[in-house]
Amino acid sequence: MKKLLIVTIIVISLGLVIGGCASDTGKRVGGGAAIGAAAGGIVGAVAGDTPMGLAVGAAAGAAGGYLYDRHEKSKDKAYEDGYKDGQKKSE
């Protein structure tokens, strides 16, 4: 159990360091990886394979963070496009 705690703390710390990147994408992917690793570590500990749980959780969290980032960027682009169209029509 002590080993699980140490590994989880290290993985979360690495996720926070990666999440501190200057871009929104880096923050979202890093944050997702950290949350996924923590959840995967817990599930892995219960299932009996903590390292695999950490790896799978981190990968799933990073993928989720990336997909969320793409979604947010598409919303921002749609807003900007709509704003530009509105400016053209008011002229």
PDB file of N, CA and C in Angstrom:
ATOM      1  N   MET A   1       0.820  -1.186   0.000  1.00  0.00           N
ATOM      2  CA  MET A   1       0.000   0.000   0.000  1.00  0.00           C
ATOM      3  C   MET A   1       0.872   1.262   0.000  1.00  0.00           C
ATOM      4  N   LYS A   2       2.004   1.185   0.711  1.00  0.00           N
ATOM      5  CA  LYS A   2       2.903   2.329   0.752  1.00  0.00           C
ATOM      6  C   LYS A   2       3.490   2.601  -0.633  1.00  0.00           C
ATOM      7  N   LYS A   3       3.797   1.524  -1.356  1.00  0.00           N
ATOM      8  CA  LYS A   3       4.339   1.663  -2.709  1.00  0.00           C
ATOM      9  C   LYS A   3       3.312   2.330  -3.627  1.00  0.00           C
ATOM     10  N   LEU A   4       2.051   1.955  -3.489  1.00  0.00           N
ATOM     11  CA  LEU A   4       0.981   2.556  -4.284  1.00  0.00           C
ATOM     12  C   LEU A   4       0.900   4.053  -4.021  1.00  0.00           C
ATOM     13  N   LEU A   5       0.969   4.424  -2.775  1.00  0.00           N
ATOM     14  CA  LEU A   5       0.900   5.843  -2.416  1.00  0.00           C
ATOM     15  C   LEU A   5       2.059   6.620  -3.022  1.00  0.00           C
ATOM     16  N   ILE A   6       3.247   6.081  -2.952  1.00  0.00           N
ATOM     17  CA  ILE A   6       4.423   6.761  -3.505  1.00  0.00           C
ATOM     18  C   ILE A   6       4.310   6.893  -5.017  1.00  0.00           C
ATOM     19  N   VAL A   7       3.921   5.813  -5.688  1.00  0.00           N
ATOM     20  CA  VAL A   7       3.785   5.846  -7.144  1.00  0.00           C
ATOM     21  C   VAL A   7       2.696   6.843  -7.552  1.00  0.00           C
ATOM     22  N   THR A   8       1.582   6.835  -6.847  1.00  0.00           N
ATOM     23  CA  THR A   8       0.487   7.757  -7.160  1.00  0.00           C
ATOM     24  C   THR A   8       0.925   9.203  -6.982  1.00  0.00           C
ATOM     25  N   ILE A   9       1.627   9.495  -5.925  1.00  0.00           N
ATOM     26  CA  ILE A   9       2.107  10.861  -5.692  1.00  0.00           C
ATOM     27  C   ILE A   9       3.068  11.283  -6.798  1.00  0.00           C
ATOM     28  N   ILE A  10       3.946  10.390  -7.199  1.00  0.00           N
ATOM     29  CA  ILE A  10       4.893  10.717  -8.274  1.00  0.00           C
ATOM     30  C   ILE A  10       4.160  10.980  -9.578  1.00  0.00           C
ATOM     31  N   VAL A  11       3.202  10.135  -9.915  1.00  0.00           N
ATOM     32  CA  VAL A  11       2.475  10.304 -11.170  1.00  0.00           C
ATOM     33  C   VAL A  11       1.661  11.592 -11.158  1.00  0.00           C
ATOM     34  N   ILE A  12       0.998  11.880 -10.068  1.00  0.00           N
ATOM     35  CA  ILE A  12       0.220  13.124  -9.979  1.00  0.00           C
ATOM     36  C   ILE A  12       1.149  14.329 -10.067  1.00  0.00           C
ATOM     37  N   SER A  13       2.291  14.264  -9.416  1.00  0.00           N
ATOM     38  CA  SER A  13       3.251  15.367  -9.485  1.00  0.00           C
ATOM     39  C   SER A  13       3.734  15.590 -10.910  1.00  0.00           C
ATOM     40  N   LEU A  14       4.033  14.506 -11.607  1.00  0.00           N
ATOM     41  CA  LEU A  14       4.456  14.640 -12.999  1.00  0.00           C
ATOM     42  C   LEU A  14       3.342  15.227 -13.856  1.00  0.00           C
ATOM     43  N   GLY A  15       2.124  14.816 -13.601  1.00  0.00           N
ATOM     44  CA  GLY A  15       0.986  15.371 -14.337  1.00  0.00           C
ATOM     45  C   GLY A  15       0.829  16.852 -14.098  1.00  0.00           C
ATOM     46  N   LEU A  16       1.055  17.288 -12.867  1.00  0.00           N
ATOM     47  CA  LEU A  16       0.958  18.718 -12.569  1.00  0.00           C
ATOM     48  C   LEU A  16       2.085  19.500 -13.234  1.00  0.00           C
ATOM     49  N   VAL A  17       3.263  18.915 -13.292  1.00  0.00           N
ATOM     50  CA  VAL A  17       4.374  19.574 -13.973  1.00  0.00           C
ATOM     51  C   VAL A  17       4.091  19.688 -15.465  1.00  0.00           C
ATOM     52  N   ILE A  18       3.616  18.596 -16.056  1.00  0.00           N
ATOM     53  CA  ILE A  18       3.269  18.626 -17.472  1.00  0.00           C
ATOM     54  C   ILE A  18       2.104  19.580 -17.700  1.00  0.00           C
ATOM     55  N   GLY A  19       1.159  19.583 -16.797  1.00  0.00           N
ATOM     56  CA  GLY A  19      -0.002  20.455 -16.917  1.00  0.00           C
ATOM     57  C   GLY A  19       0.343  21.921 -16.818  1.00  0.00           C
ATOM     58  N   GLY A  20       1.515  22.242 -16.336  1.00  0.00           N
ATOM     59  CA  GLY A  20       1.933  23.628 -16.215  1.00  0.00           C
ATOM     60  C   GLY A  20       2.476  24.214 -17.502  1.00  0.00           C
ATOM     61  N   CYS A  21       2.344  23.481 -18.596  1.00  0.00           N
ATOM     62  CA  CYS A  21       2.801  23.991 -19.887  1.00  0.00           C
ATOM     63  C   CYS A  21       2.054  25.270 -20.237  1.00  0.00           C
ATOM     64  N   ALA A  22       2.647  26.057 -21.089  1.00  0.00           N
ATOM     65  CA  ALA A  22       2.088  27.371 -21.394  1.00  0.00           C
ATOM     66  C   ALA A  22       0.794  27.299 -22.189  1.00  0.00           C
ATOM     67  N   SER A  23       0.583  26.238 -22.930  1.00  0.00           N
ATOM     68  CA  SER A  23      -0.597  26.168 -23.790  1.00  0.00           C
ATOM     69  C   SER A  23      -1.784  25.551 -23.057  1.00  0.00           C
ATOM     70  N   ASP A  24      -2.973  25.889 -23.528  1.00  0.00           N
ATOM     71  CA  ASP A  24      -4.171  25.278 -22.973  1.00  0.00           C
ATOM     72  C   ASP A  24      -4.183  23.777 -23.237  1.00  0.00           C
ATOM     73  N   THR A  25      -3.694  23.377 -24.392  1.00  0.00           N
ATOM     74  CA  THR A  25      -3.667  21.952 -24.728  1.00  0.00           C
ATOM     75  C   THR A  25      -2.817  21.190 -23.719  1.00  0.00           C
ATOM     76  N   GLY A  26      -1.641  21.703 -23.409  1.00  0.00           N
ATOM     77  CA  GLY A  26      -0.767  21.051 -22.435  1.00  0.00           C
ATOM     78  C   GLY A  26      -1.407  20.949 -21.066  1.00  0.00           C
ATOM     79  N   LYS A  27      -2.107  21.998 -20.680  1.00  0.00           N
ATOM     80  CA  LYS A  27      -2.774  21.977 -19.372  1.00  0.00           C
ATOM     81  C   LYS A  27      -3.887  20.948 -19.340  1.00  0.00           C
ATOM     82  N   ARG A  28      -4.670  20.902 -20.390  1.00  0.00           N
ATOM     83  CA  ARG A  28      -5.803  19.979 -20.407  1.00  0.00           C
ATOM     84  C   ARG A  28      -5.351  18.525 -20.521  1.00  0.00           C
ATOM     85  N   VAL A  29      -4.365  18.257 -21.356  1.00  0.00           N
ATOM     86  CA  VAL A  29      -3.868  16.887 -21.514  1.00  0.00           C
ATOM     87  C   VAL A  29      -3.148  16.445 -20.239  1.00  0.00           C
ATOM     88  N   GLY A  30      -2.313  17.314 -19.682  1.00  0.00           N
ATOM     89  CA  GLY A  30      -1.594  16.975 -18.457  1.00  0.00           C
ATOM     90  C   GLY A  30      -2.523  16.769 -17.275  1.00  0.00           C
ATOM     91  N   GLY A  31      -3.511  17.632 -17.172  1.00  0.00           N
ATOM     92  CA  GLY A  31      -4.489  17.482 -16.089  1.00  0.00           C
ATOM     93  C   GLY A  31      -5.288  16.197 -16.236  1.00  0.00           C
ATOM     94  N   GLY A  32      -5.690  15.901 -17.463  1.00  0.00           N
ATOM     95  CA  GLY A  32      -6.415  14.654 -17.705  1.00  0.00           C
ATOM     96  C   GLY A  32      -5.572  13.440 -17.386  1.00  0.00           C
ATOM     97  N   ALA A  33      -4.292  13.496 -17.740  1.00  0.00           N
ATOM     98  CA  ALA A  33      -3.389  12.375 -17.453  1.00  0.00           C
ATOM     99  C   ALA A  33      -3.222  12.181 -15.954  1.00  0.00           C
ATOM    100  N   ALA A  34      -3.099  13.267 -15.222  1.00  0.00           N
ATOM    101  CA  ALA A  34      -2.929  13.169 -13.765  1.00  0.00           C
ATOM    102  C   ALA A  34      -4.176  12.592 -13.105  1.00  0.00           C
ATOM    103  N   ILE A  35      -5.338  13.087 -13.512  1.00  0.00           N
ATOM    104  CA  ILE A  35      -6.583  12.575 -12.930  1.00  0.00           C
ATOM    105  C   ILE A  35      -6.780  11.113 -13.321  1.00  0.00           C
ATOM    106  N   GLY A  36      -6.507  10.793 -14.589  1.00  0.00           N
ATOM    107  CA  GLY A  36      -6.644   9.409 -15.039  1.00  0.00           C
ATOM    108  C   GLY A  36      -5.680   8.473 -14.338  1.00  0.00           C
ATOM    109  N   ALA A  37      -4.457   8.928 -14.115  1.00  0.00           N
ATOM    110  CA  ALA A  37      -3.473   8.088 -13.425  1.00  0.00           C
ATOM    111  C   ALA A  37      -3.896   7.831 -11.984  1.00  0.00           C
ATOM    112  N   ALA A  38      -4.420   8.855 -11.337  1.00  0.00           N
ATOM    113  CA  ALA A  38      -4.872   8.673  -9.956  1.00  0.00           C
ATOM    114  C   ALA A  38      -6.020   7.666  -9.899  1.00  0.00           C
ATOM    115  N   ALA A  39      -6.992   7.844 -10.777  1.00  0.00           N
ATOM    116  CA  ALA A  39      -8.126   6.913 -10.802  1.00  0.00           C
ATOM    117  C   ALA A  39      -7.668   5.509 -11.207  1.00  0.00           C
ATOM    118  N   GLY A  40      -6.795   5.433 -12.208  1.00  0.00           N
ATOM    119  CA  GLY A  40      -6.283   4.138 -12.644  1.00  0.00           C
ATOM    120  C   GLY A  40      -5.460   3.455 -11.575  1.00  0.00           C
ATOM    121  N   GLY A  41      -4.718   4.224 -10.800  1.00  0.00           N
ATOM    122  CA  GLY A  41      -3.939   3.650  -9.708  1.00  0.00           C
ATOM    123  C   GLY A  41      -4.821   3.027  -8.647  1.00  0.00           C
ATOM    124  N   ILE A  42      -5.922   3.695  -8.361  1.00  0.00           N
ATOM    125  CA  ILE A  42      -6.853   3.160  -7.363  1.00  0.00           C
ATOM    126  C   ILE A  42      -7.499   1.876  -7.883  1.00  0.00           C
ATOM    127  N   VAL A  43      -7.984   1.928  -9.114  1.00  0.00           N
ATOM    128  CA  VAL A  43      -8.608   0.736  -9.702  1.00  0.00           C
ATOM    129  C   VAL A  43      -7.580  -0.390  -9.834  1.00  0.00           C
ATOM    130  N   GLY A  44      -6.362  -0.040 -10.247  1.00  0.00           N
ATOM    131  CA  GLY A  44      -5.309  -1.047 -10.372  1.00  0.00           C
ATOM    132  C   GLY A  44      -4.951  -1.679  -9.043  1.00  0.00           C
ATOM    133  N   ALA A  45      -4.961  -0.884  -7.972  1.00  0.00           N
ATOM    134  CA  ALA A  45      -4.642  -1.423  -6.654  1.00  0.00           C
ATOM    135  C   ALA A  45      -5.709  -2.417  -6.203  1.00  0.00           C
ATOM    136  N   VAL A  46      -6.948  -2.090  -6.487  1.00  0.00           N
ATOM    137  CA  VAL A  46      -8.035  -3.000  -6.125  1.00  0.00           C
ATOM    138  C   VAL A  46      -7.969  -4.278  -6.964  1.00  0.00           C
ATOM    139  N   ALA A  47      -7.633  -4.116  -8.253  1.00  0.00           N
ATOM    140  CA  ALA A  47      -7.578  -5.264  -9.164  1.00  0.00           C
ATOM    141  C   ALA A  47      -6.295  -6.079  -9.000  1.00  0.00           C
ATOM    142  N   GLY A  48      -5.273  -5.494  -8.365  1.00  0.00           N
ATOM    143  CA  GLY A  48      -4.039  -6.239  -8.131  1.00  0.00           C
ATOM    144  C   GLY A  48      -2.901  -5.917  -9.082  1.00  0.00           C
ATOM    145  N   ASP A  49      -3.065  -4.934  -9.956  1.00  0.00           N
ATOM    146  CA  ASP A  49      -1.995  -4.577 -10.885  1.00  0.00           C
ATOM    147  C   ASP A  49      -1.902  -3.051 -10.969  1.00  0.00           C
ATOM    148  N   THR A  50      -1.303  -2.462  -9.952  1.00  0.00           N
ATOM    149  CA  THR A  50      -1.245  -1.005  -9.848  1.00  0.00           C
ATOM    150  C   THR A  50      -0.517  -0.347 -11.010  1.00  0.00           C
ATOM    151  N   PRO A  51       0.662  -0.819 -11.427  1.00  0.00           N
ATOM    152  CA  PRO A  51       1.345  -0.140 -12.536  1.00  0.00           C
ATOM    153  C   PRO A  51       0.517  -0.119 -13.828  1.00  0.00           C
ATOM    154  N   MET A  52      -0.158  -1.213 -14.125  1.00  0.00           N
ATOM    155  CA  MET A  52      -0.992  -1.253 -15.327  1.00  0.00           C
ATOM    156  C   MET A  52      -2.158  -0.285 -15.186  1.00  0.00           C
ATOM    157  N   GLY A  53      -2.742  -0.224 -14.008  1.00  0.00           N
ATOM    158  CA  GLY A  53      -3.840   0.715 -13.770  1.00  0.00           C
ATOM    159  C   GLY A  53      -3.396   2.155 -13.934  1.00  0.00           C
ATOM    160  N   LEU A  54      -2.201   2.464 -13.434  1.00  0.00           N
ATOM    161  CA  LEU A  54      -1.660   3.816 -13.604  1.00  0.00           C
ATOM    162  C   LEU A  54      -1.448   4.154 -15.070  1.00  0.00           C
ATOM    163  N   ALA A  55      -0.872   3.211 -15.803  1.00  0.00           N
ATOM    164  CA  ALA A  55      -0.580   3.458 -17.219  1.00  0.00           C
ATOM    165  C   ALA A  55      -1.853   3.624 -18.036  1.00  0.00           C
ATOM    166  N   VAL A  56      -2.803   2.728 -17.835  1.00  0.00           N
ATOM    167  CA  VAL A  56      -4.055   2.800 -18.589  1.00  0.00           C
ATOM    168  C   VAL A  56      -4.832   4.058 -18.205  1.00  0.00           C
ATOM    169  N   GLY A  57      -4.869   4.365 -16.928  1.00  0.00           N
ATOM    170  CA  GLY A  57      -5.574   5.563 -16.471  1.00  0.00           C
ATOM    171  C   GLY A  57      -4.952   6.837 -17.016  1.00  0.00           C
ATOM    172  N   ALA A  58      -3.629   6.899 -17.014  1.00  0.00           N
ATOM    173  CA  ALA A  58      -2.948   8.089 -17.532  1.00  0.00           C
ATOM    174  C   ALA A  58      -3.198   8.249 -19.023  1.00  0.00           C
ATOM    175  N   ALA A  59      -3.143   7.151 -19.760  1.00  0.00           N
ATOM    176  CA  ALA A  59      -3.382   7.216 -21.209  1.00  0.00           C
ATOM    177  C   ALA A  59      -4.822   7.641 -21.502  1.00  0.00           C
ATOM    178  N   ALA A  60      -5.768   7.062 -20.786  1.00  0.00           N
ATOM    179  CA  ALA A  60      -7.171   7.414 -20.999  1.00  0.00           C
ATOM    180  C   ALA A  60      -7.428   8.865 -20.602  1.00  0.00           C
ATOM    181  N   GLY A  61      -6.833   9.302 -19.508  1.00  0.00           N
ATOM    182  CA  GLY A  61      -7.007  10.691 -19.079  1.00  0.00           C
ATOM    183  C   GLY A  61      -6.396  11.671 -20.052  1.00  0.00           C
ATOM    184  N   ALA A  62      -5.222  11.345 -20.576  1.00  0.00           N
ATOM    185  CA  ALA A  62      -4.580  12.222 -21.555  1.00  0.00           C
ATOM    186  C   ALA A  62      -5.415  12.308 -22.831  1.00  0.00           C
ATOM    187  N   ALA A  63      -5.944  11.165 -23.269  1.00  0.00           N
ATOM    188  CA  ALA A  63      -6.799  11.172 -24.461  1.00  0.00           C
ATOM    189  C   ALA A  63      -8.060  11.991 -24.215  1.00  0.00           C
ATOM    190  N   GLY A  64      -8.639  11.832 -23.049  1.00  0.00           N
ATOM    191  CA  GLY A  64      -9.822  12.616 -22.705  1.00  0.00           C
ATOM    192  C   GLY A  64      -9.519  14.104 -22.644  1.00  0.00           C
ATOM    193  N   GLY A  65      -8.381  14.455 -22.083  1.00  0.00           N
ATOM    194  CA  GLY A  65      -7.981  15.862 -22.029  1.00  0.00           C
ATOM    195  C   GLY A  65      -7.765  16.450 -23.412  1.00  0.00           C
ATOM    196  N   TYR A  66      -7.191  15.649 -24.304  1.00  0.00           N
ATOM    197  CA  TYR A  66      -6.962  16.111 -25.672  1.00  0.00           C
ATOM    198  C   TYR A  66      -8.290  16.323 -26.404  1.00  0.00           C
ATOM    199  N   LEU A  67      -9.202  15.362 -26.246  1.00  0.00           N
ATOM    200  CA  LEU A  67     -10.507  15.499 -26.895  1.00  0.00           C
ATOM    201  C   LEU A  67     -11.276  16.701 -26.351  1.00  0.00           C
ATOM    202  N   TYR A  68     -11.186  16.922 -25.053  1.00  0.00           N
ATOM    203  CA  TYR A  68     -11.834  18.092 -24.450  1.00  0.00           C
ATOM    204  C   TYR A  68     -11.220  19.382 -24.991  1.00  0.00           C
ATOM    205  N   ASP A  69      -9.912  19.397 -25.156  1.00  0.00           N
ATOM    206  CA  ASP A  69      -9.241  20.576 -25.710  1.00  0.00           C
ATOM    207  C   ASP A  69      -9.715  20.851 -27.131  1.00  0.00           C
ATOM    208  N   ARG A  70      -9.821  19.814 -27.943  1.00  0.00           N
ATOM    209  CA  ARG A  70     -10.308  19.992 -29.321  1.00  0.00           C
ATOM    210  C   ARG A  70     -11.721  20.547 -29.330  1.00  0.00           C
ATOM    211  N   HIS A  71     -12.564  20.061 -28.428  1.00  0.00           N
ATOM    212  CA  HIS A  71     -13.945  20.540 -28.332  1.00  0.00           C
ATOM    213  C   HIS A  71     -13.981  22.022 -27.957  1.00  0.00           C
ATOM    214  N   GLU A  72     -13.192  22.393 -26.965  1.00  0.00           N
ATOM    215  CA  GLU A  72     -13.163  23.792 -26.536  1.00  0.00           C
ATOM    216  C   GLU A  72     -12.645  24.712 -27.646  1.00  0.00           C
ATOM    217  N   LYS A  73     -11.636  24.250 -28.369  1.00  0.00           N
ATOM    218  CA  LYS A  73     -11.102  25.057 -29.467  1.00  0.00           C
ATOM    219  C   LYS A  73     -12.119  25.217 -30.588  1.00  0.00           C
ATOM    220  N   SER A  74     -12.908  24.174 -30.858  1.00  0.00           N
ATOM    221  CA  SER A  74     -13.926  24.295 -31.904  1.00  0.00           C
ATOM    222  C   SER A  74     -15.019  25.269 -31.470  1.00  0.00           C
ATOM    223  N   LYS A  75     -15.347  25.279 -30.175  1.00  0.00           N
ATOM    224  CA  LYS A  75     -16.332  26.255 -29.678  1.00  0.00           C
ATOM    225  C   LYS A  75     -15.796  27.674 -29.818  1.00  0.00           C
ATOM    226  N   ASP A  76     -14.525  27.864 -29.479  1.00  0.00           N
ATOM    227  CA  ASP A  76     -13.919  29.195 -29.604  1.00  0.00           C
ATOM    228  C   ASP A  76     -13.904  29.657 -31.053  1.00  0.00           C
ATOM    229  N   LYS A  77     -13.578  28.748 -31.964  1.00  0.00           N
ATOM    230  CA  LYS A  77     -13.545  29.100 -33.383  1.00  0.00           C
ATOM    231  C   LYS A  77     -14.938  29.463 -33.887  1.00  0.00           C
ATOM    232  N   ALA A  78     -15.948  28.697 -33.478  1.00  0.00           N
ATOM    233  CA  ALA A  78     -17.322  28.989 -33.897  1.00  0.00           C
ATOM    234  C   ALA A  78     -17.755  30.354 -33.376  1.00  0.00           C
ATOM    235  N   TYR A  79     -17.370  30.683 -32.159  1.00  0.00           N
ATOM    236  CA  TYR A  79     -17.701  31.992 -31.597  1.00  0.00           C
ATOM    237  C   TYR A  79     -17.027  33.105 -32.401  1.00  0.00           C
ATOM    238  N   GLU A  80     -15.751  32.931 -32.680  1.00  0.00           N
ATOM    239  CA  GLU A  80     -15.012  33.946 -33.437  1.00  0.00           C
ATOM    240  C   GLU A  80     -15.584  34.121 -34.837  1.00  0.00           C
ATOM    241  N   ASP A  81     -15.918  33.005 -35.498  1.00  0.00           N
ATOM    242  CA  ASP A  81     -16.506  33.090 -36.836  1.00  0.00           C
ATOM    243  C   ASP A  81     -17.843  33.812 -36.800  1.00  0.00           C
ATOM    244  N   GLY A  82     -18.662  33.503 -35.821  1.00  0.00           N
ATOM    245  CA  GLY A  82     -19.953  34.176 -35.681  1.00  0.00           C
ATOM    246  C   GLY A  82     -19.796  35.660 -35.396  1.00  0.00           C
ATOM    247  N   TYR A  83     -18.821  35.990 -34.577  1.00  0.00           N
ATOM    248  CA  TYR A  83     -18.565  37.390 -34.250  1.00  0.00           C
ATOM    249  C   TYR A  83     -18.135  38.153 -35.509  1.00  0.00           C
ATOM    250  N   LYS A  84     -17.240  37.565 -36.291  1.00  0.00           N
ATOM    251  CA  LYS A  84     -16.783  38.206 -37.513  1.00  0.00           C
ATOM    252  C   LYS A  84     -17.926  38.390 -38.505  1.00  0.00           C
ATOM    253  N   ASP A  85     -18.780  37.380 -38.643  1.00  0.00           N
ATOM    254  CA  ASP A  85     -19.931  37.496 -39.541  1.00  0.00           C
ATOM    255  C   ASP A  85     -20.868  38.603 -39.075  1.00  0.00           C
ATOM    256  N   GLY A  86     -21.067  38.717 -37.783  1.00  0.00           N
ATOM    257  CA  GLY A  86     -21.920  39.771 -37.239  1.00  0.00           C
ATOM    258  C   GLY A  86     -21.348  41.160 -37.494  1.00  0.00           C
ATOM    259  N   GLN A  87     -20.021  41.275 -37.423  1.00  0.00           N
ATOM    260  CA  GLN A  87     -19.376  42.556 -37.681  1.00  0.00           C
ATOM    261  C   GLN A  87     -19.526  42.952 -39.149  1.00  0.00           C
ATOM    262  N   LYS A  88     -19.434  41.974 -40.041  1.00  0.00           N
ATOM    263  CA  LYS A  88     -19.572  42.262 -41.471  1.00  0.00           C
ATOM    264  C   LYS A  88     -20.986  42.718 -41.811  1.00  0.00           C
ATOM    265  N   LYS A  89     -21.981  42.115 -41.182  1.00  0.00           N
ATOM    266  CA  LYS A  89     -23.367  42.452 -41.469  1.00  0.00           C
ATOM    267  C   LYS A  89     -23.760  43.817 -40.931  1.00  0.00           C
ATOM    268  N   SER A  90     -23.103  44.244 -39.849  1.00  0.00           N
ATOM    269  CA  SER A  90     -23.462  45.536 -39.260  1.00  0.00           C
ATOM    270  C   SER A  90     -22.818  46.701 -39.974  1.00  0.00           C
ATOM    271  N   GLU A  91     -21.913  46.437 -40.887  1.00  0.00           N
ATOM    272  CA  GLU A  91     -21.231  47.518 -41.604  1.00  0.00           C
ATOM    273  C   GLU A  91     -22.020  48.042 -42.748  1.00  0.00           C
TER     274      GLU A  91
END
